C-alpha atoms as a PDB file:
ATOM      1  CA  UNK A   1      -0.078  -0.005  -0.047  1.00  0.00           C
ATOM      2  CA  UNK A   2       2.753   2.331   0.568  1.00  0.00           C
ATOM      3  CA  UNK A   3       4.360   1.755  -2.761  1.00  0.00           C
ATOM      4  CA  UNK A   4       0.950   3.188  -4.349  1.00  0.00           C
ATOM      5  CA  UNK A   5       1.131   6.477  -2.340  1.00  0.00           C
ATOM      6  CA  UNK A   6       4.608   7.112  -3.874  1.00  0.00           C
ATOM      7  CA  UNK A   7       3.331   6.189  -7.184  1.00  0.00           C
ATOM      8  CA  UNK A   8       0.469   8.606  -6.925  1.00  0.00           C
ATOM      9  CA  UNK A   9       2.397  11.344  -5.633  1.00  0.00           C
ATOM     10  CA  UNK A  10       4.823  10.917  -8.570  1.00  0.00           C
ATOM     11  CA  UNK A  11       1.802  11.039 -11.198  1.00  0.00           C
ATOM     12  CA  UNK A  12       0.480  14.076  -9.636  1.00  0.00           C
ATOM     13  CA  UNK A  13       3.721  15.875  -9.408  1.00  0.00           C
ATOM     14  CA  UNK A  14       4.452  14.716 -13.151  1.00  0.00           C
ATOM     15  CA  UNK A  15       1.155  16.268 -14.147  1.00  0.00           C
ATOM     16  CA  UNK A  16       1.600  19.568 -12.256  1.00  0.00           C
ATOM     17  CA  UNK A  17       5.178  19.945 -13.799  1.00  0.00           C
ATOM     18  CA  UNK A  18       3.998  19.224 -17.308  1.00  0.00           C
ATOM     19  CA  UNK A  19       0.862  21.553 -17.113  1.00  0.00           C
ATOM     20  CA  UNK A  20       2.953  24.292 -15.522  1.00  0.00           C
ATOM     21  CA  UNK A  21       5.613  24.495 -18.387  1.00  0.00           C
ATOM     22  CA  UNK A  22       3.282  25.464 -21.374  1.00  0.00           C
ATOM     23  CA  UNK A  23       5.810  28.075 -22.421  1.00  0.00           C
ATOM     24  CA  UNK A  24       8.193  25.378 -23.338  1.00  0.00           C
ATOM     25  CA  UNK A  25       5.886  24.358 -26.342  1.00  0.00           C
ATOM     26  CA  UNK A  26       6.138  27.700 -27.860  1.00  0.00           C
ATOM     27  CA  UNK A  27       9.915  27.405 -28.376  1.00  0.00           C
ATOM     28  CA  UNK A  28       9.921  24.717 -31.005  1.00  0.00           C
ATOM     29  CA  UNK A  29       8.310  26.614 -33.857  1.00  0.00           C
ATOM     30  CA  UNK A  30      10.656  29.472 -33.017  1.00  0.00           C
ATOM     31  CA  UNK A  31      13.956  27.550 -33.095  1.00  0.00           C
ATOM     32  CA  UNK A  32      12.845  25.783 -36.337  1.00  0.00           C
ATOM     33  CA  UNK A  33      12.103  29.131 -37.957  1.00  0.00           C
ATOM     34  CA  UNK A  34      15.409  30.558 -36.794  1.00  0.00           C
ATOM     35  CA  UNK A  35      17.346  27.309 -37.938  1.00  0.00           C
ATOM     36  CA  UNK A  36      15.507  27.390 -41.346  1.00  0.00           C
ATOM     37  CA  UNK A  37      16.149  30.892 -41.886  1.00  0.00           C
ATOM     38  CA  UNK A  38      19.789  30.450 -40.956  1.00  0.00           C
ATOM     39  CA  UNK A  39      20.293  27.537 -43.454  1.00  0.00           C
ATOM     40  CA  UNK A  40      18.821  29.464 -46.357  1.00  0.00           C
ATOM     41  CA  UNK A  41      21.358  32.212 -45.730  1.00  0.00           C
ATOM     42  CA  UNK A  42      24.101  29.861 -45.775  1.00  0.00           C
ATOM     43  CA  UNK A  43      24.753  29.649 -42.068  1.00  0.00           C
ATOM     44  CA  UNK A  44      25.551  26.419 -40.129  1.00  0.00           C
ATOM     45  CA  UNK A  45      23.416  27.227 -37.122  1.00  0.00           C
ATOM     46  CA  UNK A  46      20.887  24.439 -38.113  1.00  0.00           C
ATOM     47  CA  UNK A  47      23.517  21.777 -38.468  1.00  0.00           C
ATOM     48  CA  UNK A  48      24.975  22.530 -34.977  1.00  0.00           C
ATOM     49  CA  UNK A  49      21.310  22.448 -33.475  1.00  0.00           C
ATOM     50  CA  UNK A  50      20.618  18.981 -35.187  1.00  0.00           C
ATOM     51  CA  UNK A  51      23.879  17.705 -33.709  1.00  0.00           C
ATOM     52  CA  UNK A  52      23.031  19.023 -30.114  1.00  0.00           C
ATOM     53  CA  UNK A  53      19.616  17.530 -30.271  1.00  0.00           C
ATOM     54  CA  UNK A  54      21.203  14.214 -31.296  1.00  0.00           C
ATOM     55  CA  UNK A  55      23.562  14.302 -28.488  1.00  0.00           C
ATOM     56  CA  UNK A  56      20.850  15.269 -25.907  1.00  0.00           C
ATOM     57  CA  UNK A  57      18.836  12.370 -27.140  1.00  0.00           C
ATOM     58  CA  UNK A  58      21.577   9.915 -27.206  1.00  0.00           C
ATOM     59  CA  UNK A  59      23.024  10.415 -23.670  1.00  0.00           C
ATOM     60  CA  UNK A  60      19.899   9.100 -21.937  1.00  0.00           C
ATOM     61  CA  UNK A  61      19.673   5.906 -23.932  1.00  0.00           C
ATOM     62  CA  UNK A  62      23.401   5.360 -23.399  1.00  0.00           C
ATOM     63  CA  UNK A  63      23.076   5.719 -19.600  1.00  0.00           C
ATOM     64  CA  UNK A  64      19.922   3.249 -19.325  1.00  0.00           C
ATOM     65  CA  UNK A  65      21.731   0.973 -21.765  1.00  0.00           C
ATOM     66  CA  UNK A  66      24.900   0.850 -19.698  1.00  0.00           C
ATOM     67  CA  UNK A  67      23.025   0.422 -16.347  1.00  0.00           C
ATOM     68  CA  UNK A  68      20.759  -2.503 -17.982  1.00  0.00           C
ATOM     69  CA  UNK A  69      24.097  -4.105 -19.077  1.00  0.00           C
ATOM     70  CA  UNK A  70      25.691  -3.915 -15.479  1.00  0.00           C
ATOM     71  CA  UNK A  71      22.420  -5.130 -13.959  1.00  0.00           C
ATOM     72  CA  UNK A  72      22.153  -8.084 -16.492  1.00  0.00           C
ATOM     73  CA  UNK A  73      25.794  -9.031 -15.901  1.00  0.00           C
ATOM     74  CA  UNK A  74      25.422  -9.149 -12.028  1.00  0.00           C
ATOM     75  CA  UNK A  75      22.047 -11.052 -12.418  1.00  0.00           C
ATOM     76  CA  UNK A  76      23.855 -13.738 -14.546  1.00  0.00           C
ATOM     77  CA  UNK A  77      26.628 -13.878 -12.244  1.00  0.00           C
ATOM     78  CA  UNK A  78      24.279 -14.506  -9.164  1.00  0.00           C
ATOM     79  CA  UNK A  79      22.272 -17.181 -11.201  1.00  0.00           C
ATOM     80  CA  UNK A  80      25.678 -18.886 -11.905  1.00  0.00           C
ATOM     81  CA  UNK A  81      26.676 -18.798  -8.286  1.00  0.00           C
ATOM     82  CA  UNK A  82      23.537 -19.922  -6.940  1.00  0.00           C
ATOM     83  CA  UNK A  83      23.678 -23.136  -9.183  1.00  0.00           C
END
């Protein structure tokens, strides 16, 4: 029962954070327009922006993958040790 309280608290706080950050959604079209106009003028701002987005997207996947691999290795060692 105690875990459900934490889960409910997490859900409510997540919803509050998502709903209170409505100004964030307005920035995507502005960045896109700035990147497109810079690219049309021969600038490289859009290429750097794309590289930054890929970097920011890759880091969480690498962290979760690394932690999952470490967990899997330890789980396999524990299974082999108990047999």
